[in-house]
Amino acid sequence: MEELILNVVARSADELLKHKKGPGTRYVFSDHNNNPDGNIYVIVRKVENLDNPESHIEPHAHEYESLFIFKGNNPDMTGLEVEVLLGDHWCKIESPKSVRIPPKLTHSCRFIRGSGEYWNIVLTPGAEYNRSTY
């Protein structure tokens, strides 16, 4: 049963296709390293006091569904502002929000301002993000 309990590590996003380091700290909860028998990739990125739009993700798509979750640091989960690219349309998002990314939809996101967390959950064989990215 011990193999079902996954260690969480901080790593840069530059290990992923179409990504650079990015702001704040990225924590890997589930990927091909700690969950190779799984089918779920999960990270959380914590950011603090952003006030300058920054993009660290090139537009890309996945073969499978994914979900973005935005949670600000305020008690009501507000406090984080981002923009999400869905197809060819940028959408302004203020936390708390989640965004469903259907399979094969080109997407990206960029932080605008505030503090909080960004969760990225991707369904992918072997929990390997790069395997389903194009």
N, C-alpha and C. Protein backbone atom coordinates (compact mmCIF):
# COMPACT_ATOMS: atom_id res chain seq x y z
N MET A 1 0.79 -1.21 0.00
CA MET A 1 0.00 0.00 0.00
C MET A 1 0.84 1.27 0.00
N GLU A 2 2.07 1.18 0.45
CA GLU A 2 2.95 2.35 0.49
C GLU A 2 3.11 3.00 -0.88
N GLU A 3 3.07 2.21 -1.96
CA GLU A 3 3.26 2.75 -3.31
C GLU A 3 2.10 3.64 -3.74
N LEU A 4 1.02 3.62 -3.00
CA LEU A 4 -0.14 4.46 -3.33
C LEU A 4 -0.03 5.85 -2.70
N ILE A 5 0.93 6.04 -1.84
CA ILE A 5 1.17 7.34 -1.20
C ILE A 5 2.31 8.02 -1.95
N LEU A 6 1.99 9.14 -2.60
CA LEU A 6 2.94 9.79 -3.50
C LEU A 6 3.64 10.96 -2.83
N ASN A 7 4.95 11.03 -2.99
CA ASN A 7 5.70 12.17 -2.50
C ASN A 7 5.53 13.35 -3.46
N VAL A 8 5.48 14.54 -2.90
CA VAL A 8 5.33 15.77 -3.68
C VAL A 8 6.68 16.46 -3.71
N VAL A 9 7.09 16.90 -4.91
CA VAL A 9 8.38 17.58 -5.05
C VAL A 9 8.19 18.87 -5.84
N ALA A 10 9.06 19.84 -5.58
CA ALA A 10 9.07 21.09 -6.35
C ALA A 10 10.04 20.92 -7.51
N ARG A 11 9.55 21.20 -8.73
CA ARG A 11 10.39 21.12 -9.93
C ARG A 11 9.96 22.20 -10.90
N SER A 12 10.88 22.63 -11.72
CA SER A 12 10.60 23.64 -12.74
C SER A 12 9.77 23.05 -13.86
N ALA A 13 8.95 23.88 -14.49
CA ALA A 13 8.12 23.44 -15.62
C ALA A 13 8.91 23.32 -16.91
N ASP A 14 10.16 23.72 -16.91
CA ASP A 14 10.93 23.61 -18.16
C ASP A 14 11.21 22.16 -18.55
N GLU A 15 10.81 21.21 -17.70
CA GLU A 15 10.91 19.79 -18.07
C GLU A 15 9.77 19.36 -19.00
N LEU A 16 8.80 20.24 -19.20
CA LEU A 16 7.63 19.94 -20.01
C LEU A 16 7.75 20.56 -21.40
N LEU A 17 7.17 19.89 -22.38
CA LEU A 17 7.06 20.47 -23.71
C LEU A 17 6.25 21.76 -23.64
N LYS A 18 6.67 22.77 -24.39
CA LYS A 18 5.94 24.05 -24.51
C LYS A 18 5.91 24.87 -23.23
N HIS A 19 6.80 24.63 -22.27
CA HIS A 19 6.82 25.34 -20.99
C HIS A 19 8.21 25.89 -20.68
N LYS A 20 8.23 27.01 -19.91
CA LYS A 20 9.44 27.55 -19.32
C LYS A 20 9.28 27.49 -17.80
N LYS A 21 10.27 27.96 -17.09
CA LYS A 21 10.29 27.87 -15.63
C LYS A 21 9.00 28.41 -14.99
N GLY A 22 8.61 29.62 -15.27
CA GLY A 22 7.39 30.20 -14.73
C GLY A 22 7.56 30.84 -13.37
N PRO A 23 6.57 31.67 -12.97
CA PRO A 23 6.64 32.38 -11.68
C PRO A 23 6.30 31.45 -10.51
N GLY A 24 6.69 31.84 -9.33
CA GLY A 24 6.35 31.08 -8.14
C GLY A 24 7.02 29.72 -8.11
N THR A 25 6.40 28.81 -7.38
CA THR A 25 6.93 27.46 -7.21
C THR A 25 5.92 26.44 -7.71
N ARG A 26 6.40 25.50 -8.51
CA ARG A 26 5.57 24.42 -9.08
C ARG A 26 5.81 23.15 -8.27
N TYR A 27 4.73 22.58 -7.74
CA TYR A 27 4.79 21.34 -6.96
C TYR A 27 4.14 20.22 -7.77
N VAL A 28 4.86 19.13 -7.96
CA VAL A 28 4.36 17.99 -8.72
C VAL A 28 3.75 16.99 -7.74
N PHE A 29 2.43 16.78 -7.86
CA PHE A 29 1.71 15.85 -7.01
C PHE A 29 1.63 14.46 -7.63
N SER A 30 1.50 14.40 -8.96
CA SER A 30 1.40 13.10 -9.64
C SER A 30 1.94 13.24 -11.05
N ASP A 31 2.95 12.44 -11.38
CA ASP A 31 3.45 12.38 -12.75
C ASP A 31 4.10 11.02 -12.98
N HIS A 32 4.76 10.86 -14.11
CA HIS A 32 5.36 9.57 -14.46
C HIS A 32 6.48 9.15 -13.52
N ASN A 33 7.03 10.08 -12.76
CA ASN A 33 8.11 9.73 -11.82
C ASN A 33 7.58 9.08 -10.54
N ASN A 34 6.55 9.65 -9.95
CA ASN A 34 6.06 9.10 -8.68
C ASN A 34 4.78 8.27 -8.84
N ASN A 35 4.19 8.25 -10.05
CA ASN A 35 2.94 7.53 -10.27
C ASN A 35 2.90 6.90 -11.67
N PRO A 36 3.93 6.11 -12.02
CA PRO A 36 4.01 5.58 -13.39
C PRO A 36 2.89 4.62 -13.76
N ASP A 37 2.21 4.05 -12.79
CA ASP A 37 1.08 3.16 -13.09
C ASP A 37 -0.25 3.91 -13.14
N GLY A 38 -0.20 5.22 -12.87
CA GLY A 38 -1.42 6.03 -12.87
C GLY A 38 -1.69 6.66 -14.22
N ASN A 39 -2.78 7.38 -14.30
CA ASN A 39 -3.18 8.07 -15.53
C ASN A 39 -3.56 9.52 -15.27
N ILE A 40 -3.03 10.07 -14.18
CA ILE A 40 -3.35 11.45 -13.81
C ILE A 40 -2.07 12.21 -13.50
N TYR A 41 -1.90 13.34 -14.21
CA TYR A 41 -0.80 14.26 -13.95
C TYR A 41 -1.41 15.43 -13.18
N VAL A 42 -0.80 15.81 -12.05
CA VAL A 42 -1.32 16.91 -11.23
C VAL A 42 -0.17 17.75 -10.70
N ILE A 43 -0.28 19.06 -10.90
CA ILE A 43 0.67 20.00 -10.27
C ILE A 43 -0.12 21.13 -9.63
N VAL A 44 0.52 21.82 -8.70
CA VAL A 44 0.01 23.08 -8.19
C VAL A 44 1.16 24.07 -8.25
N ARG A 45 0.86 25.27 -8.71
CA ARG A 45 1.85 26.35 -8.75
C ARG A 45 1.37 27.42 -7.78
N LYS A 46 2.22 27.76 -6.82
CA LYS A 46 1.92 28.81 -5.85
C LYS A 46 2.63 30.09 -6.27
N VAL A 47 1.88 31.19 -6.34
CA VAL A 47 2.43 32.48 -6.72
C VAL A 47 2.06 33.52 -5.67
N GLU A 48 2.93 34.50 -5.51
CA GLU A 48 2.73 35.54 -4.50
C GLU A 48 2.94 36.92 -5.10
N ASN A 49 1.99 37.81 -4.85
CA ASN A 49 2.11 39.24 -5.16
C ASN A 49 2.53 39.53 -6.59
N LEU A 50 1.92 38.86 -7.53
CA LEU A 50 2.21 39.12 -8.94
C LEU A 50 1.54 40.43 -9.35
N ASP A 51 2.24 41.21 -10.14
CA ASP A 51 1.63 42.44 -10.67
C ASP A 51 2.10 42.72 -12.09
N ASN A 52 2.64 41.70 -12.73
CA ASN A 52 3.16 41.87 -14.08
C ASN A 52 2.76 40.65 -14.91
N PRO A 53 1.97 40.86 -15.97
CA PRO A 53 1.58 39.69 -16.78
C PRO A 53 2.80 38.89 -17.24
N GLU A 54 2.72 37.60 -17.05
CA GLU A 54 3.83 36.73 -17.43
C GLU A 54 3.28 35.45 -18.03
N SER A 55 3.82 35.08 -19.17
CA SER A 55 3.42 33.84 -19.81
C SER A 55 4.62 32.91 -19.87
N HIS A 56 4.44 31.70 -19.37
CA HIS A 56 5.54 30.73 -19.41
C HIS A 56 5.11 29.46 -20.17
N ILE A 57 3.93 29.51 -20.79
CA ILE A 57 3.38 28.34 -21.47
C ILE A 57 3.03 28.72 -22.91
N GLU A 58 3.61 28.01 -23.86
CA GLU A 58 3.23 28.21 -25.27
C GLU A 58 1.88 27.53 -25.51
N PRO A 59 1.09 28.07 -26.43
CA PRO A 59 -0.16 27.38 -26.78
C PRO A 59 0.13 25.95 -27.21
N HIS A 60 -0.69 25.01 -26.71
CA HIS A 60 -0.53 23.60 -27.01
C HIS A 60 -1.86 22.89 -26.78
N ALA A 61 -1.91 21.61 -27.06
CA ALA A 61 -3.12 20.81 -26.83
C ALA A 61 -2.70 19.45 -26.28
N HIS A 62 -3.69 18.73 -25.76
CA HIS A 62 -3.49 17.37 -25.24
C HIS A 62 -4.48 16.43 -25.90
N GLU A 63 -4.13 15.18 -25.93
CA GLU A 63 -5.04 14.15 -26.47
C GLU A 63 -6.21 13.89 -25.53
N TYR A 64 -6.06 14.26 -24.25
CA TYR A 64 -7.06 13.92 -23.25
C TYR A 64 -7.52 15.18 -22.53
N GLU A 65 -8.61 15.06 -21.79
CA GLU A 65 -9.18 16.19 -21.06
C GLU A 65 -8.24 16.64 -19.93
N SER A 66 -8.29 17.93 -19.64
CA SER A 66 -7.57 18.46 -18.49
C SER A 66 -8.43 19.52 -17.82
N LEU A 67 -7.97 19.96 -16.65
CA LEU A 67 -8.71 20.93 -15.86
C LEU A 67 -7.74 21.89 -15.20
N PHE A 68 -8.03 23.19 -15.32
CA PHE A 68 -7.30 24.23 -14.60
C PHE A 68 -8.15 24.63 -13.41
N ILE A 69 -7.50 24.84 -12.25
CA ILE A 69 -8.18 25.34 -11.06
C ILE A 69 -7.40 26.56 -10.57
N PHE A 70 -8.11 27.66 -10.32
CA PHE A 70 -7.50 28.90 -9.84
C PHE A 70 -8.11 29.25 -8.50
N LYS A 71 -7.24 29.37 -7.48
CA LYS A 71 -7.66 29.65 -6.11
C LYS A 71 -6.80 30.76 -5.55
N GLY A 72 -7.42 31.89 -5.20
CA GLY A 72 -6.68 32.99 -4.60
C GLY A 72 -6.44 32.77 -3.12
N ASN A 73 -5.55 33.57 -2.55
CA ASN A 73 -5.18 33.42 -1.14
C ASN A 73 -6.16 34.02 -0.14
N ASN A 74 -7.15 34.79 -0.60
CA ASN A 74 -8.12 35.38 0.32
C ASN A 74 -9.02 34.30 0.90
N PRO A 75 -9.63 34.54 2.08
CA PRO A 75 -10.49 33.53 2.70
C PRO A 75 -11.61 33.02 1.79
N ASP A 76 -12.10 33.86 0.88
CA ASP A 76 -13.15 33.43 -0.04
C ASP A 76 -12.57 32.92 -1.37
N MET A 77 -11.27 32.67 -1.40
CA MET A 77 -10.51 32.13 -2.55
C MET A 77 -10.36 33.12 -3.70
N THR A 78 -10.72 34.40 -3.50
CA THR A 78 -10.43 35.43 -4.50
C THR A 78 -8.98 35.86 -4.35
N GLY A 79 -8.51 36.70 -5.28
CA GLY A 79 -7.18 37.28 -5.13
C GLY A 79 -6.18 36.91 -6.20
N LEU A 80 -6.61 36.12 -7.19
CA LEU A 80 -5.71 35.75 -8.27
C LEU A 80 -6.39 36.04 -9.60
N GLU A 81 -5.70 36.77 -10.46
CA GLU A 81 -6.23 37.11 -11.78
C GLU A 81 -5.32 36.52 -12.85
N VAL A 82 -5.91 35.83 -13.81
CA VAL A 82 -5.16 35.19 -14.89
C VAL A 82 -5.92 35.39 -16.20
N GLU A 83 -5.26 35.04 -17.28
CA GLU A 83 -5.91 34.93 -18.57
C GLU A 83 -5.67 33.53 -19.09
N VAL A 84 -6.72 32.93 -19.66
CA VAL A 84 -6.64 31.58 -20.19
C VAL A 84 -6.96 31.64 -21.68
N LEU A 85 -6.09 31.03 -22.48
CA LEU A 85 -6.32 30.91 -23.91
C LEU A 85 -7.11 29.63 -24.17
N LEU A 86 -8.26 29.76 -24.81
CA LEU A 86 -9.10 28.63 -25.20
C LEU A 86 -9.33 28.73 -26.70
N GLY A 87 -8.68 27.87 -27.45
CA GLY A 87 -8.72 28.01 -28.91
C GLY A 87 -7.93 29.23 -29.32
N ASP A 88 -8.60 30.22 -29.89
CA ASP A 88 -7.93 31.47 -30.26
C ASP A 88 -8.47 32.65 -29.46
N HIS A 89 -9.13 32.38 -28.33
CA HIS A 89 -9.76 33.43 -27.52
C HIS A 89 -9.17 33.46 -26.11
N TRP A 90 -8.67 34.64 -25.70
CA TRP A 90 -8.18 34.83 -24.34
C TRP A 90 -9.35 35.21 -23.43
N CYS A 91 -9.49 34.53 -22.30
CA CYS A 91 -10.56 34.79 -21.33
C CYS A 91 -9.92 35.26 -20.03
N LYS A 92 -10.42 36.39 -19.51
CA LYS A 92 -9.95 36.87 -18.21
C LYS A 92 -10.65 36.08 -17.12
N ILE A 93 -9.87 35.57 -16.17
CA ILE A 93 -10.39 34.73 -15.09
C ILE A 93 -9.99 35.34 -13.76
N GLU A 94 -10.96 35.50 -12.86
CA GLU A 94 -10.67 35.91 -11.50
C GLU A 94 -11.09 34.78 -10.57
N SER A 95 -10.18 34.40 -9.69
CA SER A 95 -10.44 33.26 -8.81
C SER A 95 -11.58 33.57 -7.84
N PRO A 96 -12.24 32.51 -7.37
CA PRO A 96 -12.03 31.10 -7.67
C PRO A 96 -12.78 30.69 -8.94
N LYS A 97 -12.10 29.93 -9.76
CA LYS A 97 -12.69 29.39 -10.99
C LYS A 97 -11.97 28.11 -11.37
N SER A 98 -12.66 27.28 -12.14
CA SER A 98 -12.01 26.16 -12.80
C SER A 98 -12.36 26.24 -14.27
N VAL A 99 -11.48 25.70 -15.09
CA VAL A 99 -11.65 25.75 -16.54
C VAL A 99 -11.43 24.35 -17.09
N ARG A 100 -12.44 23.82 -17.75
CA ARG A 100 -12.34 22.51 -18.39
C ARG A 100 -11.69 22.68 -19.75
N ILE A 101 -10.67 21.88 -20.03
CA ILE A 101 -9.97 21.91 -21.31
C ILE A 101 -10.30 20.60 -22.03
N PRO A 102 -11.19 20.63 -23.03
CA PRO A 102 -11.51 19.40 -23.75
C PRO A 102 -10.30 18.87 -24.52
N PRO A 103 -10.32 17.58 -24.86
CA PRO A 103 -9.23 17.03 -25.67
C PRO A 103 -9.04 17.83 -26.96
N LYS A 104 -7.79 18.02 -27.34
CA LYS A 104 -7.38 18.63 -28.61
C LYS A 104 -7.66 20.13 -28.71
N LEU A 105 -8.09 20.79 -27.63
CA LEU A 105 -8.31 22.24 -27.66
C LEU A 105 -6.99 22.94 -27.35
N THR A 106 -6.54 23.81 -28.24
CA THR A 106 -5.34 24.60 -27.99
C THR A 106 -5.61 25.52 -26.80
N HIS A 107 -4.66 25.57 -25.87
CA HIS A 107 -4.84 26.36 -24.66
C HIS A 107 -3.50 26.83 -24.11
N SER A 108 -3.59 27.78 -23.20
CA SER A 108 -2.44 28.29 -22.45
C SER A 108 -3.01 29.12 -21.31
N CYS A 109 -2.15 29.61 -20.45
CA CYS A 109 -2.59 30.58 -19.44
C CYS A 109 -1.42 31.47 -19.06
N ARG A 110 -1.77 32.63 -18.52
CA ARG A 110 -0.74 33.55 -18.02
C ARG A 110 -1.28 34.25 -16.78
N PHE A 111 -0.40 34.44 -15.83
CA PHE A 111 -0.76 35.12 -14.59
C PHE A 111 -0.75 36.62 -14.82
N ILE A 112 -1.73 37.32 -14.26
CA ILE A 112 -1.82 38.77 -14.41
C ILE A 112 -1.44 39.47 -13.11
N ARG A 113 -2.15 39.12 -12.02
CA ARG A 113 -1.82 39.75 -10.72
C ARG A 113 -2.42 38.95 -9.58
N GLY A 114 -1.86 39.20 -8.40
CA GLY A 114 -2.39 38.60 -7.19
C GLY A 114 -1.55 37.47 -6.63
N SER A 115 -2.16 36.74 -5.70
CA SER A 115 -1.51 35.62 -5.02
C SER A 115 -2.48 34.45 -4.96
N GLY A 116 -1.92 33.26 -5.05
CA GLY A 116 -2.78 32.09 -4.94
C GLY A 116 -2.16 30.85 -5.55
N GLU A 117 -3.04 29.95 -5.98
CA GLU A 117 -2.62 28.66 -6.52
C GLU A 117 -3.28 28.39 -7.86
N TYR A 118 -2.52 27.76 -8.73
CA TYR A 118 -3.00 27.26 -10.01
C TYR A 118 -2.79 25.76 -10.00
N TRP A 119 -3.86 25.00 -10.16
CA TRP A 119 -3.80 23.55 -10.23
C TRP A 119 -4.00 23.14 -11.67
N ASN A 120 -3.21 22.19 -12.13
CA ASN A 120 -3.37 21.63 -13.47
C ASN A 120 -3.49 20.12 -13.34
N ILE A 121 -4.62 19.59 -13.82
CA ILE A 121 -4.89 18.17 -13.77
C ILE A 121 -5.08 17.69 -15.20
N VAL A 122 -4.26 16.73 -15.62
CA VAL A 122 -4.31 16.22 -16.98
C VAL A 122 -4.46 14.71 -16.94
N LEU A 123 -5.45 14.19 -17.64
CA LEU A 123 -5.58 12.75 -17.80
C LEU A 123 -4.63 12.33 -18.90
N THR A 124 -3.71 11.40 -18.60
CA THR A 124 -2.72 10.97 -19.59
C THR A 124 -2.13 9.63 -19.18
N PRO A 125 -1.96 8.72 -20.11
CA PRO A 125 -1.42 7.40 -19.79
C PRO A 125 -0.06 7.48 -19.09
N GLY A 126 0.08 6.70 -18.03
CA GLY A 126 1.34 6.67 -17.29
C GLY A 126 1.62 7.95 -16.54
N ALA A 127 0.63 8.83 -16.40
CA ALA A 127 0.77 10.13 -15.73
C ALA A 127 1.88 10.97 -16.37
N GLU A 128 2.15 10.73 -17.64
CA GLU A 128 3.23 11.42 -18.34
C GLU A 128 2.69 12.56 -19.19
N TYR A 129 2.90 13.79 -18.71
CA TYR A 129 2.39 14.99 -19.36
C TYR A 129 2.83 15.09 -20.82
N ASN A 130 4.12 14.91 -21.07
CA ASN A 130 4.65 15.08 -22.43
C ASN A 130 4.11 14.05 -23.42
N ARG A 131 3.65 12.93 -22.91
CA ARG A 131 3.15 11.87 -23.79
C ARG A 131 1.89 12.30 -24.54
N SER A 132 1.08 13.17 -23.94
CA SER A 132 -0.18 13.57 -24.55
C SER A 132 -0.18 15.00 -25.09
N THR A 133 0.98 15.65 -25.10
CA THR A 133 1.09 17.06 -25.49
C THR A 133 1.53 17.21 -26.93
N TYR A 134 0.89 18.12 -27.64
CA TYR A 134 1.34 18.47 -28.98
C TYR A 134 1.05 19.92 -29.29
